[in-house]
Amino acid sequence: MQATTTRKAGILFAVLATMFAASHAVAAEPCSTTPARFNIAETLWHAAEEHPVHITFTTRTEGVKMPGYLLEKYPSEMTVVLQYEFGKLTVKDDRFEVLVWFKGYPERFVVPFNAIKAFYDRTELKCSGS
């Protein structure tokens, strides 16, 4: 029963995250610009339980690294929410790296800034596109 509940919750999360990103799509600065990168870096450091950060990124962009089973599940884009179960956040000039827990296991993600399609601080769109 636990596995079914977890799977349904994961699917619901993915659907809600996609709907969230689509419903809040408005004109914003491209995420690949220098000011947007600084804003993303600063905002990532504040991600926490009371301060969720939503990141939608293309999974096939050069430099994106993520587990193969998630790449199969999300072949074009994926949204992650940094709020509860994440750690080892590192922000570089051209990318960020983070561990995100899926089904109790940590998975490493490397996401170049130019792969980010939408970046939300709580519910405010900070940047979009590339």
N, C-alpha and C. Protein backbone atom coordinates (compact mmCIF):
# COMPACT_ATOMS: atom_id res chain seq x y z
N MET A 1 0.82 -1.20 0.00
CA MET A 1 0.00 0.00 0.00
C MET A 1 0.86 1.26 0.00
N GLN A 2 1.95 1.27 0.73
CA GLN A 2 2.83 2.43 0.79
C GLN A 2 3.38 2.79 -0.58
N ALA A 3 3.83 1.80 -1.37
CA ALA A 3 4.40 2.06 -2.69
C ALA A 3 3.37 2.72 -3.60
N THR A 4 2.12 2.26 -3.54
CA THR A 4 1.07 2.83 -4.37
C THR A 4 0.82 4.29 -3.99
N THR A 5 0.76 4.56 -2.69
CA THR A 5 0.53 5.92 -2.22
C THR A 5 1.67 6.83 -2.65
N THR A 6 2.90 6.38 -2.52
CA THR A 6 4.06 7.17 -2.91
C THR A 6 4.05 7.46 -4.40
N ARG A 7 3.75 6.44 -5.20
CA ARG A 7 3.72 6.61 -6.65
C ARG A 7 2.64 7.62 -7.04
N LYS A 8 1.45 7.50 -6.45
CA LYS A 8 0.37 8.42 -6.77
C LYS A 8 0.75 9.85 -6.36
N ALA A 9 1.39 9.99 -5.20
CA ALA A 9 1.80 11.31 -4.74
C ALA A 9 2.84 11.90 -5.68
N GLY A 10 3.77 11.07 -6.17
CA GLY A 10 4.80 11.54 -7.10
C GLY A 10 4.20 11.99 -8.42
N ILE A 11 3.24 11.23 -8.92
CA ILE A 11 2.58 11.60 -10.18
C ILE A 11 1.79 12.88 -9.98
N LEU A 12 1.06 12.97 -8.88
CA LEU A 12 0.30 14.18 -8.59
C LEU A 12 1.22 15.39 -8.49
N PHE A 13 2.37 15.22 -7.83
CA PHE A 13 3.34 16.31 -7.70
C PHE A 13 3.80 16.78 -9.08
N ALA A 14 4.15 15.85 -9.96
CA ALA A 14 4.64 16.20 -11.29
C ALA A 14 3.56 16.94 -12.09
N VAL A 15 2.32 16.48 -12.00
CA VAL A 15 1.23 17.12 -12.72
C VAL A 15 0.98 18.52 -12.16
N LEU A 16 0.93 18.65 -10.84
CA LEU A 16 0.69 19.95 -10.23
C LEU A 16 1.82 20.92 -10.54
N ALA A 17 3.06 20.44 -10.52
CA ALA A 17 4.19 21.31 -10.82
C ALA A 17 4.13 21.80 -12.25
N THR A 18 3.74 20.93 -13.19
CA THR A 18 3.62 21.34 -14.59
C THR A 18 2.49 22.34 -14.76
N MET A 19 1.37 22.10 -14.09
CA MET A 19 0.25 23.03 -14.15
C MET A 19 0.63 24.37 -13.53
N PHE A 20 1.36 24.33 -12.43
CA PHE A 20 1.81 25.56 -11.76
C PHE A 20 2.66 26.38 -12.70
N ALA A 21 3.61 25.74 -13.35
CA ALA A 21 4.51 26.45 -14.27
C ALA A 21 3.73 27.04 -15.44
N ALA A 22 2.79 26.28 -15.99
CA ALA A 22 2.03 26.76 -17.14
C ALA A 22 1.08 27.89 -16.76
N SER A 23 0.47 27.81 -15.59
CA SER A 23 -0.51 28.82 -15.19
C SER A 23 0.12 30.14 -14.82
N HIS A 24 1.41 30.14 -14.49
CA HIS A 24 2.07 31.37 -14.08
C HIS A 24 3.02 31.90 -15.16
N ALA A 25 2.88 31.39 -16.37
CA ALA A 25 3.77 31.82 -17.44
C ALA A 25 3.39 33.23 -17.90
N VAL A 26 4.24 34.17 -17.59
CA VAL A 26 4.08 35.54 -18.04
C VAL A 26 5.44 36.00 -18.53
N ALA A 27 5.46 37.15 -19.17
CA ALA A 27 6.72 37.66 -19.68
C ALA A 27 7.67 37.95 -18.53
N ALA A 28 8.88 37.45 -18.63
CA ALA A 28 9.89 37.68 -17.62
C ALA A 28 11.24 37.68 -18.31
N GLU A 29 12.22 38.16 -17.61
CA GLU A 29 13.58 38.20 -18.14
C GLU A 29 14.07 36.78 -18.43
N PRO A 30 14.83 36.58 -19.52
CA PRO A 30 15.40 35.26 -19.80
C PRO A 30 16.34 34.81 -18.67
N CYS A 31 16.28 33.54 -18.32
CA CYS A 31 17.10 33.01 -17.21
C CYS A 31 18.59 32.96 -17.54
N SER A 32 18.95 33.08 -18.80
CA SER A 32 20.36 32.98 -19.19
C SER A 32 21.12 34.31 -19.07
N THR A 33 20.41 35.42 -18.79
CA THR A 33 21.09 36.71 -18.68
C THR A 33 21.88 36.79 -17.38
N THR A 34 22.88 37.63 -17.36
CA THR A 34 23.72 37.77 -16.16
C THR A 34 22.91 38.22 -14.94
N PRO A 35 22.05 39.24 -15.04
CA PRO A 35 21.26 39.62 -13.86
C PRO A 35 20.36 38.48 -13.35
N ALA A 36 19.76 37.73 -14.29
CA ALA A 36 18.90 36.62 -13.88
C ALA A 36 19.72 35.54 -13.18
N ARG A 37 20.92 35.27 -13.66
CA ARG A 37 21.78 34.27 -13.01
C ARG A 37 22.12 34.68 -11.59
N PHE A 38 22.42 35.94 -11.38
CA PHE A 38 22.70 36.42 -10.02
C PHE A 38 21.47 36.28 -9.14
N ASN A 39 20.30 36.61 -9.69
CA ASN A 39 19.05 36.49 -8.95
C ASN A 39 18.76 35.02 -8.60
N ILE A 40 18.98 34.13 -9.56
CA ILE A 40 18.77 32.70 -9.30
C ILE A 40 19.71 32.23 -8.19
N ALA A 41 20.99 32.58 -8.30
CA ALA A 41 21.97 32.15 -7.31
C ALA A 41 21.59 32.65 -5.93
N GLU A 42 21.23 33.91 -5.81
CA GLU A 42 20.85 34.47 -4.51
C GLU A 42 19.60 33.79 -3.96
N THR A 43 18.61 33.57 -4.82
CA THR A 43 17.36 32.97 -4.39
C THR A 43 17.55 31.51 -3.97
N LEU A 44 18.40 30.77 -4.70
CA LEU A 44 18.63 29.36 -4.35
C LEU A 44 19.12 29.21 -2.92
N TRP A 45 19.96 30.14 -2.47
CA TRP A 45 20.50 30.05 -1.11
C TRP A 45 19.44 30.23 -0.05
N HIS A 46 18.28 30.80 -0.42
CA HIS A 46 17.21 31.01 0.54
C HIS A 46 16.15 29.91 0.51
N ALA A 47 16.31 28.95 -0.40
CA ALA A 47 15.34 27.86 -0.50
C ALA A 47 15.29 27.09 0.82
N ALA A 48 14.10 26.91 1.33
CA ALA A 48 13.92 26.19 2.60
C ALA A 48 12.46 25.80 2.75
N GLU A 49 12.16 25.16 3.87
CA GLU A 49 10.81 24.68 4.12
C GLU A 49 9.77 25.80 3.97
N GLU A 50 10.07 26.98 4.48
CA GLU A 50 9.13 28.09 4.40
C GLU A 50 9.34 28.96 3.16
N HIS A 51 10.27 28.56 2.31
CA HIS A 51 10.61 29.38 1.14
C HIS A 51 10.86 28.46 -0.06
N PRO A 52 9.81 27.92 -0.67
CA PRO A 52 10.00 27.01 -1.80
C PRO A 52 10.49 27.73 -3.06
N VAL A 53 11.36 27.07 -3.79
CA VAL A 53 11.87 27.57 -5.06
C VAL A 53 11.53 26.52 -6.12
N HIS A 54 10.83 26.93 -7.18
CA HIS A 54 10.41 26.03 -8.25
C HIS A 54 11.29 26.29 -9.46
N ILE A 55 11.84 25.22 -10.04
CA ILE A 55 12.72 25.34 -11.19
C ILE A 55 12.25 24.37 -12.27
N THR A 56 11.87 24.90 -13.42
CA THR A 56 11.53 24.07 -14.57
C THR A 56 12.70 24.16 -15.54
N PHE A 57 13.20 23.01 -15.96
CA PHE A 57 14.36 23.00 -16.85
C PHE A 57 14.20 21.93 -17.92
N THR A 58 14.89 22.16 -19.05
CA THR A 58 14.88 21.17 -20.12
C THR A 58 15.89 20.09 -19.75
N THR A 59 15.49 18.85 -19.87
CA THR A 59 16.32 17.74 -19.42
C THR A 59 17.38 17.31 -20.43
N ARG A 60 17.24 17.73 -21.67
CA ARG A 60 18.19 17.32 -22.72
C ARG A 60 19.21 18.40 -23.08
N THR A 61 19.21 19.51 -22.38
CA THR A 61 20.18 20.56 -22.65
C THR A 61 21.57 20.07 -22.25
N GLU A 62 22.57 20.44 -23.06
CA GLU A 62 23.95 20.05 -22.77
C GLU A 62 24.34 20.52 -21.37
N GLY A 63 24.92 19.62 -20.61
CA GLY A 63 25.37 19.95 -19.26
C GLY A 63 24.42 19.51 -18.17
N VAL A 64 23.16 19.19 -18.52
CA VAL A 64 22.21 18.71 -17.52
C VAL A 64 22.62 17.28 -17.14
N LYS A 65 22.73 17.04 -15.85
CA LYS A 65 23.02 15.69 -15.35
C LYS A 65 21.96 15.34 -14.33
N MET A 66 21.36 14.18 -14.55
CA MET A 66 20.31 13.69 -13.66
C MET A 66 20.21 12.19 -13.82
N PRO A 67 19.58 11.49 -12.87
CA PRO A 67 19.48 10.04 -12.97
C PRO A 67 18.75 9.60 -14.23
N GLY A 68 19.22 8.51 -14.82
CA GLY A 68 18.65 7.98 -16.05
C GLY A 68 17.18 7.66 -15.96
N TYR A 69 16.73 7.09 -14.83
CA TYR A 69 15.32 6.73 -14.73
C TYR A 69 14.43 7.96 -14.71
N LEU A 70 14.92 9.08 -14.19
CA LEU A 70 14.14 10.32 -14.22
C LEU A 70 14.18 10.95 -15.61
N LEU A 71 15.29 10.81 -16.31
CA LEU A 71 15.39 11.31 -17.67
C LEU A 71 14.41 10.56 -18.59
N GLU A 72 14.26 9.26 -18.36
CA GLU A 72 13.28 8.49 -19.13
C GLU A 72 11.85 8.95 -18.82
N LYS A 73 11.59 9.27 -17.57
CA LYS A 73 10.27 9.69 -17.14
C LYS A 73 9.95 11.12 -17.60
N TYR A 74 10.98 11.97 -17.65
CA TYR A 74 10.82 13.37 -18.05
C TYR A 74 11.78 13.66 -19.21
N PRO A 75 11.47 13.19 -20.41
CA PRO A 75 12.41 13.28 -21.53
C PRO A 75 12.63 14.69 -22.09
N SER A 76 11.74 15.63 -21.82
CA SER A 76 11.94 16.97 -22.38
C SER A 76 12.12 18.04 -21.31
N GLU A 77 11.31 18.00 -20.26
CA GLU A 77 11.47 18.98 -19.19
C GLU A 77 10.99 18.42 -17.87
N MET A 78 11.46 19.04 -16.80
CA MET A 78 11.13 18.59 -15.45
C MET A 78 11.07 19.81 -14.54
N THR A 79 10.20 19.76 -13.55
CA THR A 79 10.15 20.80 -12.53
C THR A 79 10.53 20.18 -11.19
N VAL A 80 11.47 20.81 -10.51
CA VAL A 80 11.81 20.39 -9.15
C VAL A 80 11.49 21.56 -8.22
N VAL A 81 11.10 21.20 -7.01
CA VAL A 81 10.81 22.20 -5.99
C VAL A 81 11.81 21.98 -4.86
N LEU A 82 12.63 22.99 -4.63
CA LEU A 82 13.57 22.92 -3.51
C LEU A 82 12.86 23.51 -2.31
N GLN A 83 12.44 22.60 -1.41
CA GLN A 83 11.71 23.05 -0.24
C GLN A 83 12.02 22.17 0.96
N TYR A 84 11.82 20.88 0.86
CA TYR A 84 11.99 20.00 2.01
C TYR A 84 13.24 19.13 1.90
N GLU A 85 13.22 18.20 0.96
CA GLU A 85 14.27 17.18 0.91
C GLU A 85 15.28 17.46 -0.19
N PHE A 86 16.23 18.33 0.14
CA PHE A 86 17.34 18.60 -0.76
C PHE A 86 18.54 18.99 0.09
N GLY A 87 19.72 18.92 -0.54
CA GLY A 87 20.93 19.27 0.19
C GLY A 87 22.11 19.43 -0.74
N LYS A 88 23.25 19.75 -0.16
CA LYS A 88 24.50 19.92 -0.90
C LYS A 88 24.33 20.83 -2.11
N LEU A 89 23.69 21.95 -1.89
CA LEU A 89 23.48 22.93 -2.95
C LEU A 89 24.79 23.66 -3.22
N THR A 90 25.18 23.68 -4.49
CA THR A 90 26.36 24.41 -4.94
C THR A 90 25.95 25.26 -6.13
N VAL A 91 26.31 26.54 -6.09
CA VAL A 91 25.98 27.43 -7.20
C VAL A 91 27.29 27.88 -7.84
N LYS A 92 27.41 27.62 -9.13
CA LYS A 92 28.59 28.01 -9.91
C LYS A 92 28.21 29.15 -10.84
N ASP A 93 29.16 29.64 -11.62
CA ASP A 93 28.89 30.74 -12.55
C ASP A 93 27.89 30.37 -13.63
N ASP A 94 27.90 29.10 -14.06
CA ASP A 94 27.06 28.70 -15.19
C ASP A 94 26.00 27.66 -14.86
N ARG A 95 25.95 27.20 -13.59
CA ARG A 95 25.03 26.12 -13.24
C ARG A 95 24.83 26.05 -11.73
N PHE A 96 23.88 25.20 -11.32
CA PHE A 96 23.78 24.84 -9.91
C PHE A 96 23.74 23.33 -9.82
N GLU A 97 24.17 22.83 -8.68
CA GLU A 97 24.18 21.39 -8.40
C GLU A 97 23.48 21.19 -7.07
N VAL A 98 22.69 20.12 -6.98
CA VAL A 98 21.93 19.89 -5.77
C VAL A 98 21.59 18.40 -5.66
N LEU A 99 21.46 17.92 -4.43
CA LEU A 99 20.95 16.57 -4.18
C LEU A 99 19.48 16.71 -3.83
N VAL A 100 18.64 15.93 -4.49
CA VAL A 100 17.21 15.93 -4.23
C VAL A 100 16.81 14.50 -3.91
N TRP A 101 16.02 14.30 -2.87
CA TRP A 101 15.62 12.96 -2.48
C TRP A 101 14.37 12.53 -3.23
N PHE A 102 14.44 11.33 -3.83
CA PHE A 102 13.32 10.69 -4.50
C PHE A 102 13.15 9.32 -3.88
N LYS A 103 11.97 9.06 -3.34
CA LYS A 103 11.67 7.77 -2.73
C LYS A 103 12.72 7.38 -1.70
N GLY A 104 13.19 8.35 -0.94
CA GLY A 104 14.14 8.08 0.14
C GLY A 104 15.60 8.02 -0.27
N TYR A 105 15.90 8.21 -1.55
CA TYR A 105 17.28 8.15 -2.03
C TYR A 105 17.71 9.49 -2.61
N PRO A 106 18.93 9.93 -2.26
CA PRO A 106 19.41 11.19 -2.82
C PRO A 106 19.85 11.01 -4.27
N GLU A 107 19.45 11.96 -5.11
CA GLU A 107 19.83 11.95 -6.53
C GLU A 107 20.49 13.28 -6.85
N ARG A 108 21.59 13.24 -7.55
CA ARG A 108 22.34 14.45 -7.89
C ARG A 108 21.83 15.05 -9.19
N PHE A 109 21.62 16.35 -9.17
CA PHE A 109 21.22 17.10 -10.36
C PHE A 109 22.25 18.19 -10.62
N VAL A 110 22.60 18.35 -11.88
CA VAL A 110 23.41 19.47 -12.34
C VAL A 110 22.57 20.16 -13.41
N VAL A 111 22.27 21.43 -13.19
CA VAL A 111 21.40 22.16 -14.13
C VAL A 111 22.08 23.46 -14.54
N PRO A 112 22.51 23.55 -15.79
CA PRO A 112 23.07 24.82 -16.28
C PRO A 112 21.96 25.89 -16.32
N PHE A 113 22.33 27.12 -16.08
CA PHE A 113 21.34 28.19 -16.10
C PHE A 113 20.64 28.29 -17.45
N ASN A 114 21.35 27.97 -18.54
CA ASN A 114 20.71 28.07 -19.86
C ASN A 114 19.68 26.97 -20.11
N ALA A 115 19.56 25.99 -19.22
CA ALA A 115 18.54 24.94 -19.34
C ALA A 115 17.25 25.33 -18.63
N ILE A 116 17.29 26.38 -17.82
CA ILE A 116 16.12 26.77 -17.02
C ILE A 116 15.08 27.45 -17.91
N LYS A 117 13.87 26.91 -17.86
CA LYS A 117 12.74 27.48 -18.62
C LYS A 117 11.92 28.44 -17.76
N ALA A 118 11.83 28.15 -16.46
CA ALA A 118 11.09 29.01 -15.54
C ALA A 118 11.66 28.85 -14.15
N PHE A 119 11.75 29.97 -13.44
CA PHE A 119 12.30 29.97 -12.09
C PHE A 119 11.39 30.82 -11.22
N TYR A 120 10.79 30.18 -10.22
CA TYR A 120 9.85 30.85 -9.32
C TYR A 120 10.42 30.90 -7.92
N ASP A 121 10.30 32.06 -7.31
CA ASP A 121 10.61 32.24 -5.89
C ASP A 121 9.25 32.29 -5.20
N ARG A 122 8.93 31.24 -4.48
CA ARG A 122 7.59 31.01 -3.96
C ARG A 122 6.64 30.92 -5.17
N THR A 123 5.84 31.92 -5.42
CA THR A 123 4.95 31.88 -6.59
C THR A 123 5.27 32.99 -7.59
N GLU A 124 6.32 33.76 -7.34
CA GLU A 124 6.68 34.86 -8.23
C GLU A 124 7.67 34.41 -9.30
N LEU A 125 7.29 34.58 -10.56
CA LEU A 125 8.16 34.22 -11.67
C LEU A 125 9.33 35.19 -11.71
N LYS A 126 10.55 34.67 -11.58
CA LYS A 126 11.75 35.50 -11.58
C LYS A 126 12.37 35.59 -12.97
N CYS A 127 12.31 34.50 -13.73
CA CYS A 127 12.84 34.51 -15.09
C CYS A 127 12.20 33.35 -15.84
N SER A 128 12.29 33.42 -17.18
CA SER A 128 11.74 32.34 -17.99
C SER A 128 12.50 32.25 -19.29
N GLY A 129 12.39 31.10 -19.95
CA GLY A 129 13.04 30.89 -21.23
C GLY A 129 14.54 31.00 -21.14
N SER A 130 15.19 31.06 -22.28
CA SER A 130 16.66 31.18 -22.30
C SER A 130 17.11 32.20 -23.25
